[in-house]
Amino acid sequence: MHKEVKLIRGLRQPSYFFYQLKIMEVLRGYIQKILLVFLLSALVFGLISSFGIGMDPLSKELTKLSPFTFEMEKFLFLLGRIISGILYAAVILFVPALIFWTISDEGEYRKLVITQSLVLIILLIERLTFIPLSIFLSLDWFSSPLSLGVIAQYITAKPWVIYFLGCFSLFKIWAFYIQYKGVKKLTQQKNWLIWLVILLTNLLFWAATASLAFLNLSTLL
């Protein structure tokens, strides 16, 4: 079966999308779609930085820098964020897909990467919500009302725990659902094993995100 991969359909009709993906003999447009989500990730990260989100350390140096130096620092910050977006996409696409592939009896790695491309799109949509939250409400990403970060701040003062729980949001539930539908259809493994691997994989990523934030490396997030 030779059909082109349509990522938007995967978000709207995941069951039908993964059924088609499973029976596809040739993935038409695979490289183009992967490059597209890489570009999308870079653009989203760049857009967020263009609003000055994450530039607090640089803003504190405003009075100490010449106008030229400050503009150069802003450009380097933007460039760094774009590179971060590319690296972020690579990690989200290929690392979980590799983990899911290890439990697969018949799943093709590239098809699992396609599954993760849908997850990446969801995560990028979530990042876009950080823009109005930051601009209009002055909220950090871990204080999003769509996450457990808000509740965490009422029950603990430990930053790492707040960052960790702030990673869990309604968008992550959507991503879980997409991952489950894709991995189930493509690997034909037992439900308990699929959920266990998905949960542990995401907990690992949340722990890494919380650790980066705790170490004040938020520009990498």
Foldseek 3Di string as FASTA:
>chain_A
DDDEQDLVCCLVPVLVNLVVLQPDPDHPCLVVLLVVLLQVLLVLLLVLVVLVPPCVVLVVCVVVDDPVVSVVVSVVLSVLSSVLSNVVSCCQQQVLLVLLVVLFPAFDSSLSSSLSSSLSVLVSVLSVVQRCCCPVVVDHLLCDPQWCLVVVVVVDPDQLVSQLRSVGGPSVVSSLVSQLSNSCSRRVDDSVVSNVSSVVVVSVVSSVRSVCVVVVVPSSD
